[in-house]
Amino acid sequence: MTDYQEYLGFLYSALASQNKKNIELTESTHLVADIGLSSLEVMEFIEKIEDHFDITIPLNILPDVNTIGELANKVRELNP
């Protein structure tokens, strides 16, 4: 099982190119409100995560995921 910090590290790295506002990324950073991801960018980001960890992220969980930390926890739950 991958460590939570490793998930965060990957998410920070994957988001670096999409961080239009050039803000410091933390666990509490909101994907849409803070970083400004569009719905298309969110889907592309999810695809990167799925490919990297070889998992499928159900779309019905996305409305409950707002921050990088919440996403890291969901990815950890989906990657046994």
PDB file of N, CA and C in Angstrom:
ATOM      1  N   MET A   1       0.839  -1.182   0.000  1.00  0.00           N
ATOM      2  CA  MET A   1       0.000   0.000   0.000  1.00  0.00           C
ATOM      3  C   MET A   1       0.886   1.248   0.000  1.00  0.00           C
ATOM      4  N   THR A   2       0.509   2.172  -0.824  1.00  0.00           N
ATOM      5  CA  THR A   2       1.267   3.408  -0.945  1.00  0.00           C
ATOM      6  C   THR A   2       0.954   4.340   0.222  1.00  0.00           C
ATOM      7  N   ASP A   3       1.952   5.022   0.698  1.00  0.00           N
ATOM      8  CA  ASP A   3       1.824   5.952   1.814  1.00  0.00           C
ATOM      9  C   ASP A   3       1.069   7.214   1.373  1.00  0.00           C
ATOM     10  N   TYR A   4       0.285   7.763   2.282  1.00  0.00           N
ATOM     11  CA  TYR A   4      -0.501   8.973   2.020  1.00  0.00           C
ATOM     12  C   TYR A   4       0.373  10.094   1.469  1.00  0.00           C
ATOM     13  N   GLN A   5       1.571  10.267   2.019  1.00  0.00           N
ATOM     14  CA  GLN A   5       2.475  11.323   1.563  1.00  0.00           C
ATOM     15  C   GLN A   5       2.901  11.110   0.112  1.00  0.00           C
ATOM     16  N   GLU A   6       3.014   9.840  -0.302  1.00  0.00           N
ATOM     17  CA  GLU A   6       3.363   9.557  -1.694  1.00  0.00           C
ATOM     18  C   GLU A   6       2.230   9.972  -2.624  1.00  0.00           C
ATOM     19  N   TYR A   7       0.990   9.726  -2.196  1.00  0.00           N
ATOM     20  CA  TYR A   7      -0.154  10.179  -2.991  1.00  0.00           C
ATOM     21  C   TYR A   7      -0.142  11.695  -3.112  1.00  0.00           C
ATOM     22  N   LEU A   8       0.057  12.374  -1.981  1.00  0.00           N
ATOM     23  CA  LEU A   8       0.113  13.835  -2.008  1.00  0.00           C
ATOM     24  C   LEU A   8       1.218  14.325  -2.939  1.00  0.00           C
ATOM     25  N   GLY A   9       2.380  13.717  -2.849  1.00  0.00           N
ATOM     26  CA  GLY A   9       3.500  14.114  -3.702  1.00  0.00           C
ATOM     27  C   GLY A   9       3.171  13.986  -5.175  1.00  0.00           C
ATOM     28  N   PHE A  10       2.532  12.871  -5.537  1.00  0.00           N
ATOM     29  CA  PHE A  10       2.147  12.701  -6.936  1.00  0.00           C
ATOM     30  C   PHE A  10       1.127  13.756  -7.349  1.00  0.00           C
ATOM     31  N   LEU A  11       0.129  13.985  -6.497  1.00  0.00           N
ATOM     32  CA  LEU A  11      -0.904  14.967  -6.824  1.00  0.00           C
ATOM     33  C   LEU A  11      -0.309  16.365  -6.976  1.00  0.00           C
ATOM     34  N   TYR A  12       0.589  16.745  -6.076  1.00  0.00           N
ATOM     35  CA  TYR A  12       1.248  18.055  -6.184  1.00  0.00           C
ATOM     36  C   TYR A  12       2.010  18.164  -7.507  1.00  0.00           C
ATOM     37  N   SER A  13       2.743  17.118  -7.839  1.00  0.00           N
ATOM     38  CA  SER A  13       3.535  17.112  -9.064  1.00  0.00           C
ATOM     39  C   SER A  13       2.642  17.185 -10.298  1.00  0.00           C
ATOM     40  N   ALA A  14       1.577  16.389 -10.297  1.00  0.00           N
ATOM     41  CA  ALA A  14       0.675  16.356 -11.448  1.00  0.00           C
ATOM     42  C   ALA A  14      -0.076  17.673 -11.616  1.00  0.00           C
ATOM     43  N   LEU A  15      -0.320  18.369 -10.527  1.00  0.00           N
ATOM     44  CA  LEU A  15      -1.051  19.642 -10.586  1.00  0.00           C
ATOM     45  C   LEU A  15      -0.155  20.836 -10.906  1.00  0.00           C
ATOM     46  N   ALA A  16       1.136  20.671 -10.815  1.00  0.00           N
ATOM     47  CA  ALA A  16       2.054  21.802 -10.982  1.00  0.00           C
ATOM     48  C   ALA A  16       1.827  22.544 -12.296  1.00  0.00           C
ATOM     49  N   SER A  17       1.620  21.816 -13.381  1.00  0.00           N
ATOM     50  CA  SER A  17       1.443  22.466 -14.681  1.00  0.00           C
ATOM     51  C   SER A  17       0.077  23.127 -14.821  1.00  0.00           C
ATOM     52  N   GLN A  18      -0.872  22.743 -13.977  1.00  0.00           N
ATOM     53  CA  GLN A  18      -2.222  23.308 -14.057  1.00  0.00           C
ATOM     54  C   GLN A  18      -2.463  24.378 -12.987  1.00  0.00           C
ATOM     55  N   ASN A  19      -1.452  24.668 -12.211  1.00  0.00           N
ATOM     56  CA  ASN A  19      -1.562  25.645 -11.126  1.00  0.00           C
ATOM     57  C   ASN A  19      -1.432  27.059 -11.706  1.00  0.00           C
ATOM     58  N   LYS A  20      -2.497  27.508 -12.373  1.00  0.00           N
ATOM     59  CA  LYS A  20      -2.486  28.784 -13.098  1.00  0.00           C
ATOM     60  C   LYS A  20      -2.221  29.982 -12.198  1.00  0.00           C
ATOM     61  N   LYS A  21      -2.678  29.890 -10.969  1.00  0.00           N
ATOM     62  CA  LYS A  21      -2.533  31.006 -10.038  1.00  0.00           C
ATOM     63  C   LYS A  21      -1.206  30.963  -9.288  1.00  0.00           C
ATOM     64  N   ASN A  22      -0.433  29.892  -9.542  1.00  0.00           N
ATOM     65  CA  ASN A  22       0.881  29.717  -8.931  1.00  0.00           C
ATOM     66  C   ASN A  22       0.830  29.833  -7.408  1.00  0.00           C
ATOM     67  N   ILE A  23      -0.175  29.187  -6.809  1.00  0.00           N
ATOM     68  CA  ILE A  23      -0.307  29.197  -5.353  1.00  0.00           C
ATOM     69  C   ILE A  23       0.421  27.998  -4.765  1.00  0.00           C
ATOM     70  N   GLU A  24       0.731  28.080  -3.493  1.00  0.00           N
ATOM     71  CA  GLU A  24       1.347  26.951  -2.805  1.00  0.00           C
ATOM     72  C   GLU A  24       0.294  25.862  -2.647  1.00  0.00           C
ATOM     73  N   LEU A  25       0.624  24.657  -3.092  1.00  0.00           N
ATOM     74  CA  LEU A  25      -0.306  23.539  -3.000  1.00  0.00           C
ATOM     75  C   LEU A  25      -0.163  22.859  -1.646  1.00  0.00           C
ATOM     76  N   THR A  26      -1.282  22.701  -0.951  1.00  0.00           N
ATOM     77  CA  THR A  26      -1.318  22.018   0.339  1.00  0.00           C
ATOM     78  C   THR A  26      -2.488  21.051   0.333  1.00  0.00           C
ATOM     79  N   GLU A  27      -2.609  20.283   1.405  1.00  0.00           N
ATOM     80  CA  GLU A  27      -3.722  19.343   1.517  1.00  0.00           C
ATOM     81  C   GLU A  27      -5.069  20.053   1.479  1.00  0.00           C
ATOM     82  N   SER A  28      -5.122  21.277   1.941  1.00  0.00           N
ATOM     83  CA  SER A  28      -6.393  22.003   2.007  1.00  0.00           C
ATOM     84  C   SER A  28      -6.671  22.856   0.767  1.00  0.00           C
ATOM     85  N   THR A  29      -5.789  22.788  -0.233  1.00  0.00           N
ATOM     86  CA  THR A  29      -6.007  23.536  -1.465  1.00  0.00           C
ATOM     87  C   THR A  29      -7.197  22.958  -2.222  1.00  0.00           C
ATOM     88  N   HIS A  30      -8.142  23.833  -2.576  1.00  0.00           N
ATOM     89  CA  HIS A  30      -9.320  23.410  -3.334  1.00  0.00           C
ATOM     90  C   HIS A  30      -8.967  23.321  -4.817  1.00  0.00           C
ATOM     91  N   LEU A  31      -9.361  22.205  -5.420  1.00  0.00           N
ATOM     92  CA  LEU A  31      -9.017  21.963  -6.819  1.00  0.00           C
ATOM     93  C   LEU A  31      -9.640  22.994  -7.757  1.00  0.00           C
ATOM     94  N   VAL A  32     -10.891  23.341  -7.530  1.00  0.00           N
ATOM     95  CA  VAL A  32     -11.572  24.283  -8.419  1.00  0.00           C
ATOM     96  C   VAL A  32     -11.456  25.713  -7.902  1.00  0.00           C
ATOM     97  N   ALA A  33     -11.837  25.944  -6.662  1.00  0.00           N
ATOM     98  CA  ALA A  33     -11.872  27.311  -6.126  1.00  0.00           C
ATOM     99  C   ALA A  33     -10.486  27.952  -6.037  1.00  0.00           C
ATOM    100  N   ASP A  34      -9.486  27.194  -5.604  1.00  0.00           N
ATOM    101  CA  ASP A  34      -8.147  27.767  -5.419  1.00  0.00           C
ATOM    102  C   ASP A  34      -7.286  27.683  -6.680  1.00  0.00           C
ATOM    103  N   ILE A  35      -7.244  26.499  -7.281  1.00  0.00           N
ATOM    104  CA  ILE A  35      -6.378  26.301  -8.452  1.00  0.00           C
ATOM    105  C   ILE A  35      -7.052  26.799  -9.723  1.00  0.00           C
ATOM    106  N   GLY A  36      -8.377  26.706  -9.764  1.00  0.00           N
ATOM    107  CA  GLY A  36      -9.118  27.186 -10.925  1.00  0.00           C
ATOM    108  C   GLY A  36      -9.261  26.171 -12.040  1.00  0.00           C
ATOM    109  N   LEU A  37      -9.260  24.882 -11.683  1.00  0.00           N
ATOM    110  CA  LEU A  37      -9.407  23.854 -12.707  1.00  0.00           C
ATOM    111  C   LEU A  37     -10.806  23.901 -13.318  1.00  0.00           C
ATOM    112  N   SER A  38     -10.866  23.774 -14.636  1.00  0.00           N
ATOM    113  CA  SER A  38     -12.151  23.651 -15.320  1.00  0.00           C
ATOM    114  C   SER A  38     -12.617  22.205 -15.206  1.00  0.00           C
ATOM    115  N   SER A  39     -13.849  21.941 -15.595  1.00  0.00           N
ATOM    116  CA  SER A  39     -14.354  20.567 -15.520  1.00  0.00           C
ATOM    117  C   SER A  39     -13.537  19.647 -16.421  1.00  0.00           C
ATOM    118  N   LEU A  40     -13.115  20.131 -17.573  1.00  0.00           N
ATOM    119  CA  LEU A  40     -12.287  19.324 -18.468  1.00  0.00           C
ATOM    120  C   LEU A  40     -10.927  19.042 -17.831  1.00  0.00           C
ATOM    121  N   GLU A  41     -10.338  20.040 -17.208  1.00  0.00           N
ATOM    122  CA  GLU A  41      -9.039  19.851 -16.554  1.00  0.00           C
ATOM    123  C   GLU A  41      -9.139  18.880 -15.383  1.00  0.00           C
ATOM    124  N   VAL A  42     -10.254  18.916 -14.662  1.00  0.00           N
ATOM    125  CA  VAL A  42     -10.458  17.954 -13.573  1.00  0.00           C
ATOM    126  C   VAL A  42     -10.473  16.541 -14.143  1.00  0.00           C
ATOM    127  N   MET A  43     -11.184  16.339 -15.248  1.00  0.00           N
ATOM    128  CA  MET A  43     -11.266  15.005 -15.848  1.00  0.00           C
ATOM    129  C   MET A  43      -9.900  14.547 -16.363  1.00  0.00           C
ATOM    130  N   GLU A  44      -9.135  15.444 -16.959  1.00  0.00           N
ATOM    131  CA  GLU A  44      -7.787  15.097 -17.420  1.00  0.00           C
ATOM    132  C   GLU A  44      -6.891  14.737 -16.241  1.00  0.00           C
ATOM    133  N   PHE A  45      -7.038  15.465 -15.150  1.00  0.00           N
ATOM    134  CA  PHE A  45      -6.270  15.200 -13.938  1.00  0.00           C
ATOM    135  C   PHE A  45      -6.634  13.834 -13.361  1.00  0.00           C
ATOM    136  N   ILE A  46      -7.920  13.529 -13.327  1.00  0.00           N
ATOM    137  CA  ILE A  46      -8.380  12.225 -12.837  1.00  0.00           C
ATOM    138  C   ILE A  46      -7.802  11.112 -13.706  1.00  0.00           C
ATOM    139  N   GLU A  47      -7.763  11.334 -15.016  1.00  0.00           N
ATOM    140  CA  GLU A  47      -7.207  10.332 -15.925  1.00  0.00           C
ATOM    141  C   GLU A  47      -5.720  10.091 -15.638  1.00  0.00           C
ATOM    142  N   LYS A  48      -4.971  11.155 -15.353  1.00  0.00           N
ATOM    143  CA  LYS A  48      -3.550  11.009 -14.988  1.00  0.00           C
ATOM    144  C   LYS A  48      -3.400  10.131 -13.744  1.00  0.00           C
ATOM    145  N   ILE A  49      -4.256  10.387 -12.760  1.00  0.00           N
ATOM    146  CA  ILE A  49      -4.201   9.619 -11.510  1.00  0.00           C
ATOM    147  C   ILE A  49      -4.527   8.160 -11.776  1.00  0.00           C
ATOM    148  N   GLU A  50      -5.579   7.922 -12.551  1.00  0.00           N
ATOM    149  CA  GLU A  50      -5.983   6.547 -12.857  1.00  0.00           C
ATOM    150  C   GLU A  50      -4.873   5.802 -13.582  1.00  0.00           C
ATOM    151  N   ASP A  51      -4.256   6.449 -14.561  1.00  0.00           N
ATOM    152  CA  ASP A  51      -3.169   5.814 -15.312  1.00  0.00           C
ATOM    153  C   ASP A  51      -1.962   5.535 -14.422  1.00  0.00           C
ATOM    154  N   HIS A  52      -1.606   6.496 -13.593  1.00  0.00           N
ATOM    155  CA  HIS A  52      -0.419   6.348 -12.750  1.00  0.00           C
ATOM    156  C   HIS A  52      -0.575   5.221 -11.723  1.00  0.00           C
ATOM    157  N   PHE A  53      -1.732   5.157 -11.070  1.00  0.00           N
ATOM    158  CA  PHE A  53      -1.940   4.174 -10.010  1.00  0.00           C
ATOM    159  C   PHE A  53      -2.685   2.927 -10.479  1.00  0.00           C
ATOM    160  N   ASP A  54      -3.040   2.885 -11.771  1.00  0.00           N
ATOM    161  CA  ASP A  54      -3.767   1.755 -12.357  1.00  0.00           C
ATOM    162  C   ASP A  54      -5.042   1.457 -11.567  1.00  0.00           C
ATOM    163  N   ILE A  55      -5.849   2.498 -11.388  1.00  0.00           N
ATOM    164  CA  ILE A  55      -7.121   2.382 -10.680  1.00  0.00           C
ATOM    165  C   ILE A  55      -8.206   3.054 -11.515  1.00  0.00           C
ATOM    166  N   THR A  56      -9.453   2.838 -11.122  1.00  0.00           N
ATOM    167  CA  THR A  56     -10.586   3.542 -11.709  1.00  0.00           C
ATOM    168  C   THR A  56     -11.238   4.362 -10.609  1.00  0.00           C
ATOM    169  N   ILE A  57     -11.394   5.631 -10.858  1.00  0.00           N
ATOM    170  CA  ILE A  57     -12.027   6.520  -9.887  1.00  0.00           C
ATOM    171  C   ILE A  57     -13.475   6.724 -10.325  1.00  0.00           C
ATOM    172  N   PRO A  58     -14.427   6.237  -9.540  1.00  0.00           N
ATOM    173  CA  PRO A  58     -15.834   6.408  -9.912  1.00  0.00           C
ATOM    174  C   PRO A  58     -16.214   7.892  -9.938  1.00  0.00           C
ATOM    175  N   LEU A  59     -16.872   8.298 -10.996  1.00  0.00           N
ATOM    176  CA  LEU A  59     -17.231   9.706 -11.145  1.00  0.00           C
ATOM    177  C   LEU A  59     -18.193  10.184 -10.066  1.00  0.00           C
ATOM    178  N   ASN A  60     -18.959   9.260  -9.485  1.00  0.00           N
ATOM    179  CA  ASN A  60     -19.940   9.676  -8.474  1.00  0.00           C
ATOM    180  C   ASN A  60     -19.295  10.125  -7.164  1.00  0.00           C
ATOM    181  N   ILE A  61     -17.991   9.891  -6.976  1.00  0.00           N
ATOM    182  CA  ILE A  61     -17.334  10.374  -5.754  1.00  0.00           C
ATOM    183  C   ILE A  61     -16.796  11.794  -5.910  1.00  0.00           C
ATOM    184  N   LEU A  62     -16.692  12.261  -7.140  1.00  0.00           N
ATOM    185  CA  LEU A  62     -16.066  13.564  -7.386  1.00  0.00           C
ATOM    186  C   LEU A  62     -16.778  14.743  -6.729  1.00  0.00           C
ATOM    187  N   PRO A  63     -18.114  14.758  -6.657  1.00  0.00           N
ATOM    188  CA  PRO A  63     -18.751  15.899  -5.978  1.00  0.00           C
ATOM    189  C   PRO A  63     -18.370  16.026  -4.499  1.00  0.00           C
ATOM    190  N   ASP A  64     -17.931  14.924  -3.888  1.00  0.00           N
ATOM    191  CA  ASP A  64     -17.550  14.942  -2.477  1.00  0.00           C
ATOM    192  C   ASP A  64     -16.070  15.254  -2.266  1.00  0.00           C
ATOM    193  N   VAL A  65     -15.336  15.430  -3.352  1.00  0.00           N
ATOM    194  CA  VAL A  65     -13.894  15.675  -3.275  1.00  0.00           C
ATOM    195  C   VAL A  65     -13.626  17.118  -3.689  1.00  0.00           C
ATOM    196  N   ASN A  66     -13.185  17.916  -2.746  1.00  0.00           N
ATOM    197  CA  ASN A  66     -12.928  19.329  -3.031  1.00  0.00           C
ATOM    198  C   ASN A  66     -11.458  19.706  -2.936  1.00  0.00           C
ATOM    199  N   THR A  67     -10.736  19.071  -2.022  1.00  0.00           N
ATOM    200  CA  THR A  67      -9.347  19.462  -1.767  1.00  0.00           C
ATOM    201  C   THR A  67      -8.372  18.382  -2.214  1.00  0.00           C
ATOM    202  N   ILE A  68      -7.113  18.759  -2.290  1.00  0.00           N
ATOM    203  CA  ILE A  68      -6.070  17.803  -2.651  1.00  0.00           C
ATOM    204  C   ILE A  68      -6.004  16.691  -1.607  1.00  0.00           C
ATOM    205  N   GLY A  69      -6.134  17.030  -0.335  1.00  0.00           N
ATOM    206  CA  GLY A  69      -6.097  16.028   0.730  1.00  0.00           C
ATOM    207  C   GLY A  69      -7.242  15.037   0.627  1.00  0.00           C
ATOM    208  N   GLU A  70      -8.442  15.533   0.333  1.00  0.00           N
ATOM    209  CA  GLU A  70      -9.592  14.635   0.165  1.00  0.00           C
ATOM    210  C   GLU A  70      -9.374  13.699  -1.012  1.00  0.00           C
ATOM    211  N   LEU A  71      -8.811  14.225  -2.087  1.00  0.00           N
ATOM    212  CA  LEU A  71      -8.534  13.389  -3.252  1.00  0.00           C
ATOM    213  C   LEU A  71      -7.476  12.341  -2.929  1.00  0.00           C
ATOM    214  N   ALA A  72      -6.441  12.718  -2.210  1.00  0.00           N
ATOM    215  CA  ALA A  72      -5.402  11.759  -1.818  1.00  0.00           C
ATOM    216  C   ALA A  72      -5.997  10.628  -0.988  1.00  0.00           C
ATOM    217  N   ASN A  73      -6.904  10.956  -0.081  1.00  0.00           N
ATOM    218  CA  ASN A  73      -7.558   9.923   0.727  1.00  0.00           C
ATOM    219  C   ASN A  73      -8.403   8.993  -0.123  1.00  0.00           C
ATOM    220  N   LYS A  74      -9.142   9.529  -1.076  1.00  0.00           N
ATOM    221  CA  LYS A  74      -9.978   8.697  -1.957  1.00  0.00           C
ATOM    222  C   LYS A  74      -9.114   7.779  -2.807  1.00  0.00           C
ATOM    223  N   VAL A  75      -8.027   8.313  -3.345  1.00  0.00           N
ATOM    224  CA  VAL A  75      -7.131   7.495  -4.163  1.00  0.00           C
ATOM    225  C   VAL A  75      -6.527   6.385  -3.314  1.00  0.00           C
ATOM    226  N   ARG A  76      -6.167   6.700  -2.090  1.00  0.00           N
ATOM    227  CA  ARG A  76      -5.613   5.688  -1.180  1.00  0.00           C
ATOM    228  C   ARG A  76      -6.640   4.595  -0.917  1.00  0.00           C
ATOM    229  N   GLU A  77      -7.903   4.967  -0.721  1.00  0.00           N
ATOM    230  CA  GLU A  77      -8.963   3.983  -0.493  1.00  0.00           C
ATOM    231  C   GLU A  77      -9.166   3.077  -1.705  1.00  0.00           C
ATOM    232  N   LEU A  78      -8.997   3.618  -2.900  1.00  0.00           N
ATOM    233  CA  LEU A  78      -9.228   2.863  -4.133  1.00  0.00           C
ATOM    234  C   LEU A  78      -8.028   2.032  -4.558  1.00  0.00           C
ATOM    235  N   ASN A  79      -6.890   2.242  -3.944  1.00  0.00           N
ATOM    236  CA  ASN A  79      -5.659   1.552  -4.328  1.00  0.00           C
ATOM    237  C   ASN A  79      -5.191   0.678  -3.166  1.00  0.00           C
ATOM    238  N   PRO A  80      -5.732  -0.548  -3.113  1.00  0.00           N
ATOM    239  CA  PRO A  80      -5.408  -1.424  -1.957  1.00  0.00           C
ATOM    240  C   PRO A  80      -3.946  -1.817  -1.877  1.00  0.00           C
TER     241      PRO A  80
END
